[in-house]
Amino acid sequence: MYYKSSYTSPLGQMTIVNDEHAIKGLWFSDQRYFGGKYDLQTMIEGETPVTKQVKNWLDAYFAGENPTLDPNILAPEVTSYRKQILNALINVPYGQTTSYKELADKVALNTLGKRGSARAAGGAVGHNPISILIPCHRVVATNGALTGYAGGIDRKIALLALEGFDQSKLDNHQV
């Protein structure tokens, strides 16, 4: 059984979807791919211990802290390839960035022994169903440009700034 609940962040209203054991989705209410494959209209409003854990994490995160989260509660329901990309993304440190190409190569080299497709990695990152907790806002183009955040570029900039990312790196690149 899936549950949904709301969270009010400084960057807008968010919706959390989870079962009794893990989080399945976290979206800004106006972001692209909101709700993913889930029928939010028929889902039960409610909180579980997982929901409370996520809300506590979000409170700490938006307060400027670098909270820890048990990665075992992150359970995006995506393809095997997308899961590999999202798992690699979880390891991008707070306040730092990686590129779509770096993510693609990391996954492809580990599984296929060759370079990967930045476009395929971009698709996986763009459809990430668990925003912020799986930090898709930390992914930039190879040239450092801020591109492709389903929650909007302004939010991507705000999230990176919250994490203390060097603003001069943002100012030198096209958005």
N, C-alpha and C. Protein backbone atom coordinates (compact mmCIF):
# COMPACT_ATOMS: atom_id res chain seq x y z
N MET A 1 0.84 -1.17 0.00
CA MET A 1 0.00 0.00 0.00
C MET A 1 0.89 1.24 0.00
N TYR A 2 0.49 2.21 -0.82
CA TYR A 2 1.22 3.47 -0.90
C TYR A 2 0.48 4.57 -0.14
N TYR A 3 1.27 5.46 0.42
CA TYR A 3 0.74 6.61 1.14
C TYR A 3 1.32 7.87 0.51
N LYS A 4 0.55 8.95 0.58
CA LYS A 4 1.07 10.24 0.13
C LYS A 4 0.90 11.24 1.26
N SER A 5 1.81 12.19 1.30
CA SER A 5 1.69 13.28 2.25
C SER A 5 2.36 14.51 1.66
N SER A 6 2.07 15.64 2.24
CA SER A 6 2.61 16.91 1.76
C SER A 6 3.71 17.41 2.68
N TYR A 7 4.60 18.17 2.09
CA TYR A 7 5.67 18.82 2.84
C TYR A 7 5.80 20.23 2.26
N THR A 8 5.82 21.22 3.14
CA THR A 8 5.99 22.60 2.70
C THR A 8 7.45 22.99 2.87
N SER A 9 8.14 23.15 1.75
CA SER A 9 9.56 23.53 1.78
C SER A 9 9.67 25.01 1.47
N PRO A 10 10.83 25.61 1.74
CA PRO A 10 11.03 27.01 1.38
C PRO A 10 10.98 27.24 -0.13
N LEU A 11 11.10 26.16 -0.91
CA LEU A 11 11.09 26.29 -2.37
C LEU A 11 9.77 25.84 -3.00
N GLY A 12 8.78 25.55 -2.17
CA GLY A 12 7.48 25.17 -2.68
C GLY A 12 6.94 23.90 -2.06
N GLN A 13 5.67 23.66 -2.34
CA GLN A 13 4.98 22.48 -1.82
C GLN A 13 5.55 21.22 -2.46
N MET A 14 5.70 20.17 -1.66
CA MET A 14 6.21 18.89 -2.14
C MET A 14 5.25 17.78 -1.77
N THR A 15 5.30 16.71 -2.54
CA THR A 15 4.51 15.52 -2.26
C THR A 15 5.45 14.35 -2.06
N ILE A 16 5.20 13.59 -1.01
CA ILE A 16 5.99 12.40 -0.67
C ILE A 16 5.12 11.18 -0.90
N VAL A 17 5.67 10.17 -1.57
CA VAL A 17 4.98 8.89 -1.74
C VAL A 17 5.88 7.81 -1.17
N ASN A 18 5.28 6.96 -0.35
CA ASN A 18 6.05 5.86 0.25
C ASN A 18 5.14 4.70 0.59
N ASP A 19 5.77 3.55 0.85
CA ASP A 19 5.04 2.43 1.42
C ASP A 19 5.47 2.36 2.89
N GLU A 20 5.23 1.24 3.55
CA GLU A 20 5.56 1.14 4.96
C GLU A 20 7.06 1.12 5.22
N HIS A 21 7.85 0.79 4.19
CA HIS A 21 9.29 0.58 4.39
C HIS A 21 10.21 1.57 3.69
N ALA A 22 9.74 2.19 2.61
CA ALA A 22 10.65 3.00 1.80
C ALA A 22 9.93 4.12 1.07
N ILE A 23 10.70 5.13 0.71
CA ILE A 23 10.17 6.23 -0.08
C ILE A 23 10.23 5.86 -1.56
N LYS A 24 9.18 6.19 -2.27
CA LYS A 24 9.06 5.89 -3.70
C LYS A 24 9.14 7.16 -4.53
N GLY A 25 8.72 8.28 -3.95
CA GLY A 25 8.72 9.52 -4.71
C GLY A 25 8.73 10.75 -3.82
N LEU A 26 9.35 11.81 -4.34
CA LEU A 26 9.36 13.12 -3.69
C LEU A 26 9.48 14.15 -4.80
N TRP A 27 8.40 14.95 -4.96
CA TRP A 27 8.36 15.91 -6.05
C TRP A 27 7.89 17.26 -5.56
N PHE A 28 8.37 18.33 -6.21
CA PHE A 28 7.76 19.64 -6.07
C PHE A 28 6.44 19.57 -6.83
N SER A 29 5.41 20.22 -6.32
CA SER A 29 4.07 20.05 -6.89
C SER A 29 3.95 20.57 -8.32
N ASP A 30 4.86 21.44 -8.73
CA ASP A 30 4.78 21.98 -10.09
C ASP A 30 5.92 21.49 -11.00
N GLN A 31 6.64 20.49 -10.57
CA GLN A 31 7.76 20.04 -11.39
C GLN A 31 7.32 19.11 -12.50
N ARG A 32 8.17 19.02 -13.51
CA ARG A 32 7.94 18.09 -14.61
C ARG A 32 7.92 16.67 -14.07
N TYR A 33 7.09 15.84 -14.61
CA TYR A 33 6.95 14.43 -14.22
C TYR A 33 6.40 14.27 -12.79
N PHE A 34 5.68 15.28 -12.31
CA PHE A 34 5.10 15.23 -10.98
C PHE A 34 4.28 13.95 -10.82
N GLY A 35 4.55 13.23 -9.77
CA GLY A 35 3.80 12.00 -9.46
C GLY A 35 4.27 10.78 -10.21
N GLY A 36 5.08 10.98 -11.24
CA GLY A 36 5.59 9.84 -12.00
C GLY A 36 4.49 8.90 -12.45
N LYS A 37 4.68 7.65 -12.17
CA LYS A 37 3.73 6.62 -12.61
C LYS A 37 2.61 6.37 -11.60
N TYR A 38 2.59 7.12 -10.52
CA TYR A 38 1.65 6.88 -9.43
C TYR A 38 0.34 7.63 -9.64
N ASP A 39 -0.76 7.01 -9.26
CA ASP A 39 -2.07 7.65 -9.30
C ASP A 39 -2.30 8.32 -7.94
N LEU A 40 -1.87 9.55 -7.85
CA LEU A 40 -1.94 10.28 -6.58
C LEU A 40 -3.37 10.56 -6.15
N GLN A 41 -4.29 10.61 -7.10
CA GLN A 41 -5.69 10.92 -6.78
C GLN A 41 -6.35 9.82 -5.94
N THR A 42 -5.93 8.59 -6.13
CA THR A 42 -6.55 7.48 -5.40
C THR A 42 -5.72 7.02 -4.20
N MET A 43 -4.58 7.66 -4.00
CA MET A 43 -3.68 7.23 -2.93
C MET A 43 -4.16 7.74 -1.57
N ILE A 44 -3.91 6.96 -0.55
CA ILE A 44 -4.30 7.30 0.82
C ILE A 44 -3.37 8.39 1.37
N GLU A 45 -3.98 9.43 1.97
CA GLU A 45 -3.20 10.45 2.70
C GLU A 45 -2.81 9.83 4.02
N GLY A 46 -1.54 9.88 4.34
CA GLY A 46 -1.12 9.33 5.62
C GLY A 46 0.37 9.38 5.80
N GLU A 47 0.78 9.22 7.03
CA GLU A 47 2.20 9.22 7.37
C GLU A 47 2.57 7.91 8.02
N THR A 48 3.79 7.50 7.74
CA THR A 48 4.38 6.31 8.34
C THR A 48 5.69 6.75 8.99
N PRO A 49 6.36 5.87 9.69
CA PRO A 49 7.68 6.24 10.22
C PRO A 49 8.65 6.69 9.11
N VAL A 50 8.52 6.13 7.91
CA VAL A 50 9.38 6.54 6.78
C VAL A 50 9.08 7.99 6.41
N THR A 51 7.81 8.34 6.34
CA THR A 51 7.42 9.71 6.01
C THR A 51 8.00 10.68 7.03
N LYS A 52 7.88 10.34 8.29
CA LYS A 52 8.40 11.21 9.35
C LYS A 52 9.91 11.36 9.25
N GLN A 53 10.60 10.27 8.92
CA GLN A 53 12.05 10.32 8.76
C GLN A 53 12.43 11.26 7.61
N VAL A 54 11.71 11.17 6.51
CA VAL A 54 11.98 12.04 5.36
C VAL A 54 11.69 13.49 5.70
N LYS A 55 10.59 13.76 6.36
CA LYS A 55 10.26 15.14 6.73
C LYS A 55 11.30 15.72 7.70
N ASN A 56 11.77 14.93 8.63
CA ASN A 56 12.83 15.39 9.54
C ASN A 56 14.10 15.69 8.77
N TRP A 57 14.43 14.83 7.80
CA TRP A 57 15.62 15.05 6.97
C TRP A 57 15.46 16.35 6.19
N LEU A 58 14.29 16.55 5.57
CA LEU A 58 14.06 17.76 4.80
C LEU A 58 14.13 19.01 5.68
N ASP A 59 13.58 18.94 6.89
CA ASP A 59 13.67 20.08 7.82
C ASP A 59 15.13 20.45 8.08
N ALA A 60 15.95 19.45 8.36
CA ALA A 60 17.37 19.69 8.62
C ALA A 60 18.07 20.21 7.37
N TYR A 61 17.78 19.61 6.22
CA TYR A 61 18.41 20.03 4.96
C TYR A 61 18.09 21.49 4.67
N PHE A 62 16.83 21.87 4.74
CA PHE A 62 16.45 23.24 4.43
C PHE A 62 16.90 24.22 5.51
N ALA A 63 17.31 23.72 6.66
CA ALA A 63 17.90 24.57 7.71
C ALA A 63 19.39 24.77 7.46
N GLY A 64 19.91 24.22 6.36
CA GLY A 64 21.31 24.40 6.00
C GLY A 64 22.24 23.33 6.52
N GLU A 65 21.68 22.26 7.06
CA GLU A 65 22.50 21.16 7.56
C GLU A 65 22.75 20.15 6.44
N ASN A 66 23.69 19.26 6.68
CA ASN A 66 23.99 18.15 5.76
C ASN A 66 23.57 16.86 6.47
N PRO A 67 22.27 16.60 6.55
CA PRO A 67 21.80 15.44 7.32
C PRO A 67 22.12 14.12 6.61
N THR A 68 22.20 13.08 7.40
CA THR A 68 22.40 11.75 6.82
C THR A 68 21.05 11.06 6.71
N LEU A 69 20.99 10.15 5.76
CA LEU A 69 19.76 9.41 5.52
C LEU A 69 20.15 7.98 5.18
N ASP A 70 19.46 7.04 5.74
CA ASP A 70 19.70 5.64 5.44
C ASP A 70 19.32 5.40 3.98
N PRO A 71 20.29 5.09 3.11
CA PRO A 71 19.97 4.89 1.69
C PRO A 71 19.03 3.71 1.45
N ASN A 72 18.89 2.83 2.42
CA ASN A 72 17.99 1.68 2.26
C ASN A 72 16.52 2.07 2.22
N ILE A 73 16.20 3.31 2.64
CA ILE A 73 14.79 3.72 2.56
C ILE A 73 14.47 4.36 1.21
N LEU A 74 15.47 4.48 0.33
CA LEU A 74 15.24 5.03 -1.00
C LEU A 74 14.96 3.88 -1.96
N ALA A 75 13.75 3.84 -2.49
CA ALA A 75 13.37 2.72 -3.36
C ALA A 75 12.64 3.21 -4.61
N PRO A 76 13.38 3.91 -5.48
CA PRO A 76 12.72 4.36 -6.71
C PRO A 76 12.35 3.16 -7.57
N GLU A 77 11.17 3.20 -8.12
CA GLU A 77 10.71 2.12 -8.99
C GLU A 77 11.00 2.51 -10.43
N VAL A 78 12.21 2.20 -10.87
CA VAL A 78 12.71 2.58 -12.19
C VAL A 78 13.40 1.38 -12.83
N THR A 79 13.81 1.54 -14.09
CA THR A 79 14.52 0.46 -14.77
C THR A 79 15.86 0.19 -14.11
N SER A 80 16.45 -0.92 -14.43
CA SER A 80 17.75 -1.30 -13.87
C SER A 80 18.82 -0.26 -14.18
N TYR A 81 18.86 0.22 -15.42
CA TYR A 81 19.85 1.23 -15.79
C TYR A 81 19.64 2.52 -14.99
N ARG A 82 18.40 2.97 -14.94
CA ARG A 82 18.12 4.20 -14.19
C ARG A 82 18.45 4.03 -12.71
N LYS A 83 18.22 2.87 -12.18
CA LYS A 83 18.56 2.62 -10.77
C LYS A 83 20.08 2.74 -10.57
N GLN A 84 20.85 2.23 -11.52
CA GLN A 84 22.32 2.33 -11.41
C GLN A 84 22.76 3.80 -11.45
N ILE A 85 22.15 4.58 -12.34
CA ILE A 85 22.48 6.00 -12.40
C ILE A 85 22.10 6.70 -11.09
N LEU A 86 20.91 6.42 -10.58
CA LEU A 86 20.47 7.06 -9.33
C LEU A 86 21.34 6.63 -8.15
N ASN A 87 21.78 5.37 -8.14
CA ASN A 87 22.68 4.92 -7.08
C ASN A 87 24.01 5.65 -7.14
N ALA A 88 24.51 5.88 -8.35
CA ALA A 88 25.76 6.65 -8.50
C ALA A 88 25.54 8.09 -8.05
N LEU A 89 24.39 8.61 -8.33
CA LEU A 89 24.07 9.99 -7.97
C LEU A 89 24.01 10.19 -6.46
N ILE A 90 23.57 9.19 -5.74
CA ILE A 90 23.51 9.27 -4.27
C ILE A 90 24.89 9.55 -3.68
N ASN A 91 25.93 9.11 -4.39
CA ASN A 91 27.29 9.27 -3.88
C ASN A 91 27.95 10.60 -4.24
N VAL A 92 27.23 11.48 -4.94
CA VAL A 92 27.79 12.81 -5.23
C VAL A 92 27.73 13.61 -3.94
N PRO A 93 28.87 14.06 -3.44
CA PRO A 93 28.89 14.74 -2.14
C PRO A 93 28.08 16.04 -2.09
N TYR A 94 27.56 16.30 -0.93
CA TYR A 94 26.85 17.54 -0.60
C TYR A 94 27.70 18.73 -1.03
N GLY A 95 27.09 19.67 -1.76
CA GLY A 95 27.79 20.88 -2.16
C GLY A 95 28.70 20.72 -3.36
N GLN A 96 28.70 19.56 -3.99
CA GLN A 96 29.54 19.33 -5.17
C GLN A 96 28.67 18.92 -6.34
N THR A 97 29.25 18.93 -7.53
CA THR A 97 28.49 18.54 -8.71
C THR A 97 29.25 17.47 -9.49
N THR A 98 28.51 16.85 -10.39
CA THR A 98 29.06 15.91 -11.36
C THR A 98 28.38 16.20 -12.68
N SER A 99 28.87 15.61 -13.74
CA SER A 99 28.23 15.83 -15.05
C SER A 99 27.45 14.58 -15.46
N TYR A 100 26.55 14.79 -16.40
CA TYR A 100 25.80 13.66 -16.96
C TYR A 100 26.77 12.65 -17.55
N LYS A 101 27.79 13.14 -18.22
CA LYS A 101 28.79 12.26 -18.85
C LYS A 101 29.56 11.47 -17.79
N GLU A 102 29.96 12.11 -16.71
CA GLU A 102 30.67 11.41 -15.64
C GLU A 102 29.80 10.30 -15.05
N LEU A 103 28.53 10.60 -14.83
CA LEU A 103 27.62 9.56 -14.31
C LEU A 103 27.49 8.40 -15.28
N ALA A 104 27.29 8.73 -16.56
CA ALA A 104 27.13 7.70 -17.59
C ALA A 104 28.36 6.82 -17.68
N ASP A 105 29.52 7.45 -17.68
CA ASP A 105 30.77 6.69 -17.78
C ASP A 105 30.99 5.82 -16.55
N LYS A 106 30.70 6.35 -15.38
CA LYS A 106 30.88 5.58 -14.15
C LYS A 106 30.05 4.30 -14.18
N VAL A 107 28.78 4.42 -14.56
CA VAL A 107 27.90 3.25 -14.60
C VAL A 107 28.33 2.30 -15.71
N ALA A 108 28.60 2.82 -16.89
CA ALA A 108 28.97 1.96 -18.03
C ALA A 108 30.30 1.26 -17.80
N LEU A 109 31.27 1.96 -17.25
CA LEU A 109 32.57 1.34 -17.00
C LEU A 109 32.45 0.23 -15.97
N ASN A 110 31.60 0.45 -14.97
CA ASN A 110 31.42 -0.57 -13.93
C ASN A 110 30.67 -1.79 -14.44
N THR A 111 29.78 -1.61 -15.40
CA THR A 111 28.95 -2.74 -15.85
C THR A 111 29.36 -3.30 -17.20
N LEU A 112 29.80 -2.41 -18.11
CA LEU A 112 30.09 -2.85 -19.47
C LEU A 112 31.55 -2.73 -19.86
N GLY A 113 32.32 -2.02 -19.05
CA GLY A 113 33.72 -1.82 -19.37
C GLY A 113 33.95 -0.83 -20.50
N LYS A 114 32.98 0.03 -20.78
CA LYS A 114 33.14 1.05 -21.82
C LYS A 114 32.46 2.34 -21.39
N ARG A 115 32.58 3.37 -22.20
CA ARG A 115 32.00 4.67 -21.88
C ARG A 115 30.49 4.64 -22.06
N GLY A 116 29.82 5.53 -21.34
CA GLY A 116 28.37 5.56 -21.37
C GLY A 116 27.82 6.73 -22.16
N SER A 117 26.51 6.79 -22.24
CA SER A 117 25.80 7.84 -22.96
C SER A 117 25.30 8.91 -22.00
N ALA A 118 25.80 10.14 -22.18
CA ALA A 118 25.34 11.25 -21.35
C ALA A 118 23.85 11.48 -21.53
N ARG A 119 23.35 11.26 -22.73
CA ARG A 119 21.92 11.47 -23.00
C ARG A 119 21.08 10.47 -22.21
N ALA A 120 21.51 9.21 -22.17
CA ALA A 120 20.77 8.20 -21.39
C ALA A 120 20.82 8.53 -19.90
N ALA A 121 21.99 8.97 -19.44
CA ALA A 121 22.10 9.36 -18.03
C ALA A 121 21.20 10.55 -17.75
N GLY A 122 21.12 11.50 -18.70
CA GLY A 122 20.26 12.66 -18.54
C GLY A 122 18.79 12.26 -18.41
N GLY A 123 18.38 11.25 -19.17
CA GLY A 123 17.01 10.76 -19.07
C GLY A 123 16.74 10.18 -17.70
N ALA A 124 17.71 9.42 -17.19
CA ALA A 124 17.56 8.83 -15.86
C ALA A 124 17.50 9.90 -14.78
N VAL A 125 18.38 10.88 -14.88
CA VAL A 125 18.41 11.96 -13.89
C VAL A 125 17.14 12.81 -13.98
N GLY A 126 16.72 13.13 -15.20
CA GLY A 126 15.54 13.96 -15.40
C GLY A 126 14.25 13.34 -14.88
N HIS A 127 14.20 12.01 -14.89
CA HIS A 127 13.01 11.30 -14.42
C HIS A 127 13.18 10.76 -13.00
N ASN A 128 14.19 11.24 -12.29
CA ASN A 128 14.41 10.83 -10.91
C ASN A 128 13.14 11.06 -10.10
N PRO A 129 12.54 10.01 -9.55
CA PRO A 129 11.30 10.21 -8.81
C PRO A 129 11.49 10.68 -7.36
N ILE A 130 12.74 10.75 -6.90
CA ILE A 130 12.96 11.13 -5.50
C ILE A 130 13.89 12.35 -5.44
N SER A 131 13.31 13.51 -5.72
CA SER A 131 14.08 14.76 -5.74
C SER A 131 14.76 15.01 -4.40
N ILE A 132 15.85 15.71 -4.47
CA ILE A 132 16.66 16.18 -3.34
C ILE A 132 17.31 15.02 -2.59
N LEU A 133 16.55 14.04 -2.13
CA LEU A 133 17.15 12.90 -1.41
C LEU A 133 18.11 12.14 -2.33
N ILE A 134 17.71 11.97 -3.57
CA ILE A 134 18.62 11.50 -4.62
C ILE A 134 18.94 12.77 -5.39
N PRO A 135 20.12 13.34 -5.16
CA PRO A 135 20.41 14.74 -5.51
C PRO A 135 20.64 15.03 -6.99
N CYS A 136 19.57 14.96 -7.78
CA CYS A 136 19.68 15.24 -9.21
C CYS A 136 20.03 16.71 -9.47
N HIS A 137 19.82 17.58 -8.49
CA HIS A 137 20.19 18.98 -8.64
C HIS A 137 21.71 19.17 -8.69
N ARG A 138 22.48 18.16 -8.36
CA ARG A 138 23.94 18.24 -8.38
C ARG A 138 24.55 17.85 -9.72
N VAL A 139 23.73 17.64 -10.73
CA VAL A 139 24.24 17.23 -12.04
C VAL A 139 24.21 18.42 -12.99
N VAL A 140 25.34 18.63 -13.66
CA VAL A 140 25.49 19.74 -14.60
C VAL A 140 25.97 19.19 -15.95
N ALA A 141 25.95 20.05 -16.95
CA ALA A 141 26.49 19.67 -18.26
C ALA A 141 28.01 19.53 -18.15
N THR A 142 28.62 18.89 -19.13
CA THR A 142 30.07 18.68 -19.13
C THR A 142 30.82 20.01 -19.04
N ASN A 143 30.27 21.08 -19.64
CA ASN A 143 30.93 22.38 -19.59
C ASN A 143 30.60 23.15 -18.31
N GLY A 144 29.84 22.53 -17.41
CA GLY A 144 29.50 23.16 -16.14
C GLY A 144 28.18 23.92 -16.15
N ALA A 145 27.52 24.00 -17.32
CA ALA A 145 26.26 24.73 -17.40
C ALA A 145 25.18 24.02 -16.59
N LEU A 146 24.32 24.82 -16.00
CA LEU A 146 23.20 24.28 -15.23
C LEU A 146 22.06 23.99 -16.20
N THR A 147 21.79 22.74 -16.40
CA THR A 147 20.76 22.35 -17.36
C THR A 147 19.85 21.32 -16.73
N GLY A 148 18.67 21.19 -17.28
CA GLY A 148 17.79 20.07 -17.07
C GLY A 148 17.40 19.68 -15.66
N TYR A 149 16.83 20.57 -14.88
CA TYR A 149 16.31 20.17 -13.58
C TYR A 149 14.79 20.21 -13.66
N ALA A 150 14.15 19.06 -13.42
CA ALA A 150 12.69 18.95 -13.56
C ALA A 150 11.96 19.91 -12.61
N GLY A 151 12.60 20.29 -11.52
CA GLY A 151 12.00 21.22 -10.56
C GLY A 151 12.21 22.67 -10.94
N GLY A 152 12.97 22.94 -12.01
CA GLY A 152 13.23 24.29 -12.47
C GLY A 152 14.64 24.74 -12.11
N ILE A 153 15.24 25.47 -13.03
CA ILE A 153 16.62 25.94 -12.85
C ILE A 153 16.76 26.82 -11.61
N ASP A 154 15.77 27.66 -11.32
CA ASP A 154 15.86 28.52 -10.12
C ASP A 154 15.98 27.67 -8.86
N ARG A 155 15.25 26.57 -8.81
CA ARG A 155 15.35 25.69 -7.63
C ARG A 155 16.70 25.00 -7.61
N LYS A 156 17.20 24.60 -8.75
CA LYS A 156 18.51 23.94 -8.81
C LYS A 156 19.57 24.88 -8.24
N ILE A 157 19.53 26.13 -8.66
CA ILE A 157 20.49 27.13 -8.16
C ILE A 157 20.31 27.31 -6.66
N ALA A 158 19.07 27.40 -6.20
CA ALA A 158 18.81 27.59 -4.76
C ALA A 158 19.30 26.40 -3.95
N LEU A 159 19.09 25.18 -4.44
CA LEU A 159 19.54 23.99 -3.71
C LEU A 159 21.06 23.94 -3.65
N LEU A 160 21.72 24.24 -4.76
CA LEU A 160 23.19 24.25 -4.75
C LEU A 160 23.72 25.35 -3.82
N ALA A 161 23.08 26.51 -3.84
CA ALA A 161 23.49 27.60 -2.94
C ALA A 161 23.30 27.20 -1.48
N LEU A 162 22.18 26.55 -1.17
CA LEU A 162 21.92 26.07 0.18
C LEU A 162 23.03 25.14 0.66
N GLU A 163 23.56 24.34 -0.26
CA GLU A 163 24.62 23.40 0.08
C GLU A 163 26.00 24.06 0.10
N GLY A 164 26.06 25.37 -0.17
CA GLY A 164 27.34 26.07 -0.12
C GLY A 164 28.17 25.92 -1.37
N PHE A 165 27.56 25.50 -2.47
CA PHE A 165 28.28 25.37 -3.74
C PHE A 165 28.83 26.74 -4.12
N ASP A 166 30.04 26.78 -4.60
CA ASP A 166 30.72 28.02 -4.97
C ASP A 166 29.91 28.76 -6.04
N GLN A 167 29.30 29.88 -5.65
CA GLN A 167 28.46 30.64 -6.56
C GLN A 167 29.21 31.14 -7.79
N SER A 168 30.50 31.39 -7.68
CA SER A 168 31.25 31.87 -8.85
C SER A 168 31.24 30.83 -9.97
N LYS A 169 31.12 29.56 -9.62
CA LYS A 169 31.03 28.52 -10.65
C LYS A 169 29.71 28.62 -11.39
N LEU A 170 28.67 29.11 -10.71
CA LEU A 170 27.36 29.30 -11.37
C LEU A 170 27.38 30.52 -12.25
N ASP A 171 28.06 31.57 -11.82
CA ASP A 171 28.05 32.83 -12.55
C ASP A 171 28.80 32.74 -13.89
N ASN A 172 29.73 31.80 -14.02
CA ASN A 172 30.54 31.70 -15.22
C ASN A 172 29.92 30.83 -16.30
N HIS A 173 28.77 30.27 -16.06
CA HIS A 173 28.18 29.33 -17.01
C HIS A 173 26.77 29.75 -17.38
N GLN A 174 26.42 29.42 -18.60
CA GLN A 174 25.06 29.66 -19.04
C GLN A 174 24.08 28.83 -18.27
N VAL A 175 22.96 29.40 -17.98
CA VAL A 175 21.90 28.65 -17.31
C VAL A 175 20.88 28.21 -18.34
